[in-house]
């Protein structure tokens, strides 16, 4: 999906890049940034746990576990495609 910026009445395409090219790590950069500013993807959510693994069975982990204002659990899992591409401004 193409992304664009709009500034001073000008629209411009955002160039495609890769996590590695930008020096961005999934867990130590992206996950931390979302944890500290969860409102950008899930407004009115409070993060309860990062890398939650409090299960009685299995070794699965939830990247970020939150709760919204209606007391619904919010599960955030970070996924990438095979090319590890992202958009950069």
N, C-alpha and C. Protein backbone atom coordinates (compact mmCIF):
# COMPACT_ATOMS: atom_id res chain seq x y z
N UNK A 1 0.84 -1.16 0.00
CA UNK A 1 0.00 0.00 0.00
C UNK A 1 0.89 1.23 0.00
N UNK A 2 0.73 2.09 -0.96
CA UNK A 2 1.56 3.30 -1.02
C UNK A 2 1.20 4.27 0.10
N UNK A 3 2.22 4.96 0.60
CA UNK A 3 2.04 5.99 1.61
C UNK A 3 2.50 7.32 1.03
N UNK A 4 1.87 8.39 1.52
CA UNK A 4 2.19 9.72 1.03
C UNK A 4 2.30 10.69 2.19
N UNK A 5 3.07 11.74 1.98
CA UNK A 5 3.13 12.84 2.94
C UNK A 5 2.43 14.04 2.31
N UNK A 6 1.89 14.88 3.15
CA UNK A 6 1.24 16.10 2.68
C UNK A 6 1.73 17.25 3.55
N UNK A 7 2.44 18.19 2.92
CA UNK A 7 2.99 19.33 3.64
C UNK A 7 3.02 20.53 2.72
N UNK A 8 2.63 21.67 3.23
CA UNK A 8 2.63 22.92 2.45
C UNK A 8 1.89 22.75 1.13
N UNK A 9 0.74 22.07 1.19
CA UNK A 9 -0.13 21.84 0.03
C UNK A 9 0.53 21.01 -1.06
N UNK A 10 1.56 20.24 -0.70
CA UNK A 10 2.26 19.36 -1.64
C UNK A 10 2.11 17.92 -1.16
N UNK A 11 1.87 17.01 -2.08
CA UNK A 11 1.78 15.59 -1.75
C UNK A 11 2.96 14.87 -2.41
N UNK A 12 3.57 13.96 -1.67
CA UNK A 12 4.73 13.24 -2.19
C UNK A 12 4.70 11.80 -1.70
N UNK A 13 5.12 10.89 -2.55
CA UNK A 13 5.19 9.48 -2.18
C UNK A 13 6.31 9.27 -1.16
N UNK A 14 6.08 8.35 -0.23
CA UNK A 14 7.10 7.98 0.75
C UNK A 14 7.86 6.80 0.17
N UNK A 15 9.16 6.88 0.16
CA UNK A 15 9.98 5.82 -0.41
C UNK A 15 9.92 4.55 0.44
N UNK A 16 9.93 3.41 -0.22
CA UNK A 16 9.96 2.12 0.46
C UNK A 16 11.38 1.83 0.92
N UNK A 17 11.50 1.17 2.08
CA UNK A 17 12.81 0.83 2.62
C UNK A 17 12.70 -0.48 3.39
N UNK A 18 13.73 -0.87 4.09
CA UNK A 18 13.72 -2.11 4.87
C UNK A 18 14.16 -1.81 6.29
N UNK A 19 13.70 -2.64 7.24
CA UNK A 19 14.10 -2.47 8.63
C UNK A 19 15.62 -2.41 8.77
N UNK A 20 16.32 -3.35 8.16
CA UNK A 20 17.77 -3.42 8.28
C UNK A 20 18.45 -2.17 7.76
N UNK A 21 17.96 -1.67 6.64
CA UNK A 21 18.53 -0.45 6.05
C UNK A 21 18.39 0.72 7.01
N UNK A 22 17.28 0.77 7.70
CA UNK A 22 17.02 1.86 8.64
C UNK A 22 17.59 1.61 10.03
N UNK A 23 18.16 0.41 10.23
CA UNK A 23 18.71 0.07 11.54
C UNK A 23 17.66 -0.15 12.61
N UNK A 24 16.48 -0.60 12.19
CA UNK A 24 15.36 -0.80 13.12
C UNK A 24 15.21 -2.28 13.42
N UNK A 25 15.23 -2.60 14.71
CA UNK A 25 15.00 -3.97 15.17
C UNK A 25 13.54 -4.08 15.63
N UNK A 26 12.93 -5.24 15.38
CA UNK A 26 11.52 -5.41 15.72
C UNK A 26 11.27 -5.26 17.22
N UNK A 27 11.96 -6.03 18.02
CA UNK A 27 11.67 -6.04 19.46
C UNK A 27 12.26 -4.84 20.19
N UNK A 28 13.51 -4.51 19.92
CA UNK A 28 14.17 -3.46 20.70
C UNK A 28 13.84 -2.05 20.25
N UNK A 29 13.33 -1.89 19.05
CA UNK A 29 12.99 -0.55 18.55
C UNK A 29 11.49 -0.38 18.34
N UNK A 30 10.93 -1.14 17.42
CA UNK A 30 9.52 -0.97 17.06
C UNK A 30 8.60 -1.32 18.23
N UNK A 31 8.83 -2.45 18.86
CA UNK A 31 7.97 -2.86 19.97
C UNK A 31 8.05 -1.87 21.13
N UNK A 32 9.25 -1.39 21.44
CA UNK A 32 9.42 -0.42 22.53
C UNK A 32 8.72 0.88 22.18
N UNK A 33 8.84 1.33 20.94
CA UNK A 33 8.19 2.58 20.52
C UNK A 33 6.67 2.46 20.64
N UNK A 34 6.12 1.31 20.22
CA UNK A 34 4.67 1.12 20.34
C UNK A 34 4.25 1.00 21.80
N UNK A 35 5.02 0.31 22.60
CA UNK A 35 4.72 0.19 24.03
C UNK A 35 4.63 1.57 24.67
N UNK A 36 5.56 2.45 24.33
CA UNK A 36 5.63 3.77 24.94
C UNK A 36 4.65 4.77 24.35
N UNK A 37 4.05 4.43 23.19
CA UNK A 37 3.10 5.34 22.54
C UNK A 37 2.01 4.52 21.86
N UNK A 38 1.35 3.66 22.63
CA UNK A 38 0.37 2.71 22.08
C UNK A 38 -0.81 3.41 21.40
N UNK A 39 -1.08 4.65 21.79
CA UNK A 39 -2.20 5.39 21.22
C UNK A 39 -2.14 5.59 19.72
N UNK A 40 -0.96 5.47 19.11
CA UNK A 40 -0.88 5.65 17.65
C UNK A 40 -1.57 4.51 16.91
N UNK A 41 -1.67 3.33 17.52
CA UNK A 41 -2.35 2.23 16.85
C UNK A 41 -3.60 1.76 17.60
N UNK A 42 -3.70 2.08 18.88
CA UNK A 42 -4.84 1.62 19.68
C UNK A 42 -5.18 2.67 20.74
N UNK A 43 -5.92 3.71 20.32
CA UNK A 43 -6.26 4.77 21.27
C UNK A 43 -7.01 4.22 22.49
N UNK A 44 -6.86 4.88 23.60
CA UNK A 44 -7.55 4.52 24.85
C UNK A 44 -7.18 3.13 25.33
N UNK A 45 -5.94 2.72 25.07
CA UNK A 45 -5.44 1.41 25.53
C UNK A 45 -4.27 1.63 26.47
N UNK A 46 -4.22 0.83 27.51
CA UNK A 46 -3.09 0.84 28.44
C UNK A 46 -2.35 -0.48 28.29
N UNK A 47 -1.04 -0.42 28.12
CA UNK A 47 -0.24 -1.64 28.00
C UNK A 47 -0.08 -2.26 29.38
N UNK A 48 -0.45 -3.54 29.49
CA UNK A 48 -0.32 -4.27 30.74
C UNK A 48 0.99 -5.04 30.83
N UNK A 49 1.41 -5.59 29.68
CA UNK A 49 2.58 -6.46 29.69
C UNK A 49 3.24 -6.46 28.32
N UNK A 50 4.55 -6.65 28.34
CA UNK A 50 5.33 -6.81 27.12
C UNK A 50 5.94 -8.20 27.14
N UNK A 51 5.86 -8.91 26.02
CA UNK A 51 6.36 -10.29 25.93
C UNK A 51 5.65 -11.18 26.97
N UNK A 52 4.33 -11.02 27.07
CA UNK A 52 3.56 -11.79 28.05
C UNK A 52 3.64 -13.28 27.74
N UNK A 53 3.99 -14.06 28.74
CA UNK A 53 4.10 -15.51 28.55
C UNK A 53 3.57 -16.28 29.76
N UNK A 54 2.63 -15.68 30.46
CA UNK A 54 2.11 -16.30 31.68
C UNK A 54 1.09 -17.39 31.42
N UNK A 55 1.43 -18.34 30.57
CA UNK A 55 0.54 -19.44 30.23
C UNK A 55 0.90 -20.67 31.07
N UNK A 56 -0.06 -21.53 31.27
CA UNK A 56 0.23 -22.78 31.99
C UNK A 56 0.87 -23.81 31.08
N UNK A 57 0.65 -23.68 29.78
CA UNK A 57 1.24 -24.61 28.81
C UNK A 57 1.80 -23.83 27.63
N UNK A 58 2.79 -24.38 26.99
CA UNK A 58 3.34 -23.78 25.78
C UNK A 58 4.34 -22.67 26.08
N UNK A 59 5.02 -22.27 25.03
CA UNK A 59 6.06 -21.24 25.18
C UNK A 59 5.74 -20.01 24.33
N UNK A 60 4.48 -19.80 24.02
CA UNK A 60 4.10 -18.65 23.20
C UNK A 60 4.15 -17.36 24.02
N UNK A 61 4.42 -16.25 23.32
CA UNK A 61 4.44 -14.94 23.96
C UNK A 61 3.61 -13.97 23.15
N UNK A 62 2.96 -13.05 23.84
CA UNK A 62 2.23 -11.95 23.21
C UNK A 62 3.19 -10.76 23.24
N UNK A 63 3.40 -10.13 22.08
CA UNK A 63 4.33 -9.00 22.02
C UNK A 63 3.92 -7.90 22.99
N UNK A 64 2.69 -7.40 22.85
CA UNK A 64 2.17 -6.40 23.78
C UNK A 64 0.74 -6.79 24.16
N UNK A 65 0.45 -6.79 25.44
CA UNK A 65 -0.88 -7.09 25.94
C UNK A 65 -1.40 -5.84 26.64
N UNK A 66 -2.59 -5.41 26.23
CA UNK A 66 -3.17 -4.20 26.80
C UNK A 66 -4.61 -4.40 27.20
N UNK A 67 -5.19 -3.33 27.70
CA UNK A 67 -6.60 -3.30 28.07
C UNK A 67 -7.15 -1.96 27.63
N UNK A 68 -8.37 -1.96 27.07
CA UNK A 68 -8.97 -0.70 26.63
C UNK A 68 -9.94 -0.18 27.69
N UNK A 69 -10.58 0.95 27.42
CA UNK A 69 -11.46 1.59 28.40
C UNK A 69 -12.71 0.79 28.71
N UNK A 70 -13.05 -0.16 27.83
CA UNK A 70 -14.21 -1.01 28.07
C UNK A 70 -13.80 -2.33 28.73
N UNK A 71 -12.57 -2.42 29.19
CA UNK A 71 -12.00 -3.60 29.86
C UNK A 71 -11.84 -4.79 28.92
N UNK A 72 -11.71 -4.53 27.61
CA UNK A 72 -11.40 -5.59 26.64
C UNK A 72 -9.89 -5.76 26.58
N UNK A 73 -9.44 -7.01 26.52
CA UNK A 73 -8.02 -7.24 26.32
C UNK A 73 -7.65 -6.89 24.88
N UNK A 74 -6.50 -6.29 24.70
CA UNK A 74 -5.99 -5.90 23.39
C UNK A 74 -4.67 -6.63 23.19
N UNK A 75 -4.60 -7.49 22.17
CA UNK A 75 -3.40 -8.25 21.87
C UNK A 75 -2.74 -7.63 20.64
N UNK A 76 -1.47 -7.26 20.77
CA UNK A 76 -0.73 -6.66 19.66
C UNK A 76 0.44 -7.56 19.33
N UNK A 77 0.41 -8.11 18.12
CA UNK A 77 1.48 -8.98 17.62
C UNK A 77 2.14 -8.30 16.44
N UNK A 78 3.44 -8.15 16.48
CA UNK A 78 4.18 -7.53 15.38
C UNK A 78 4.54 -8.60 14.36
N UNK A 79 4.18 -8.36 13.10
CA UNK A 79 4.46 -9.30 12.01
C UNK A 79 5.05 -8.53 10.84
N UNK A 80 5.88 -9.21 10.07
CA UNK A 80 6.46 -8.61 8.87
C UNK A 80 6.28 -9.58 7.72
N UNK A 81 6.40 -9.06 6.50
CA UNK A 81 6.36 -9.96 5.35
C UNK A 81 7.76 -10.48 5.07
N UNK A 82 7.89 -11.30 4.04
CA UNK A 82 9.18 -11.94 3.75
C UNK A 82 10.26 -10.95 3.35
N UNK A 83 9.88 -9.77 2.86
CA UNK A 83 10.88 -8.81 2.42
C UNK A 83 11.29 -7.85 3.53
N UNK A 84 10.62 -7.91 4.68
CA UNK A 84 10.91 -7.06 5.82
C UNK A 84 10.86 -5.58 5.45
N UNK A 85 9.94 -5.21 4.55
CA UNK A 85 9.85 -3.83 4.13
C UNK A 85 8.96 -3.02 5.05
N UNK A 86 9.23 -1.74 5.10
CA UNK A 86 8.43 -0.80 5.83
C UNK A 86 8.53 0.54 5.11
N UNK A 87 7.75 1.50 5.53
CA UNK A 87 7.84 2.83 4.93
C UNK A 87 8.67 3.73 5.82
N UNK A 88 9.39 4.62 5.20
CA UNK A 88 10.23 5.56 5.93
C UNK A 88 9.96 6.97 5.41
N UNK A 89 9.88 7.92 6.34
CA UNK A 89 9.65 9.31 5.90
C UNK A 89 10.94 10.08 5.88
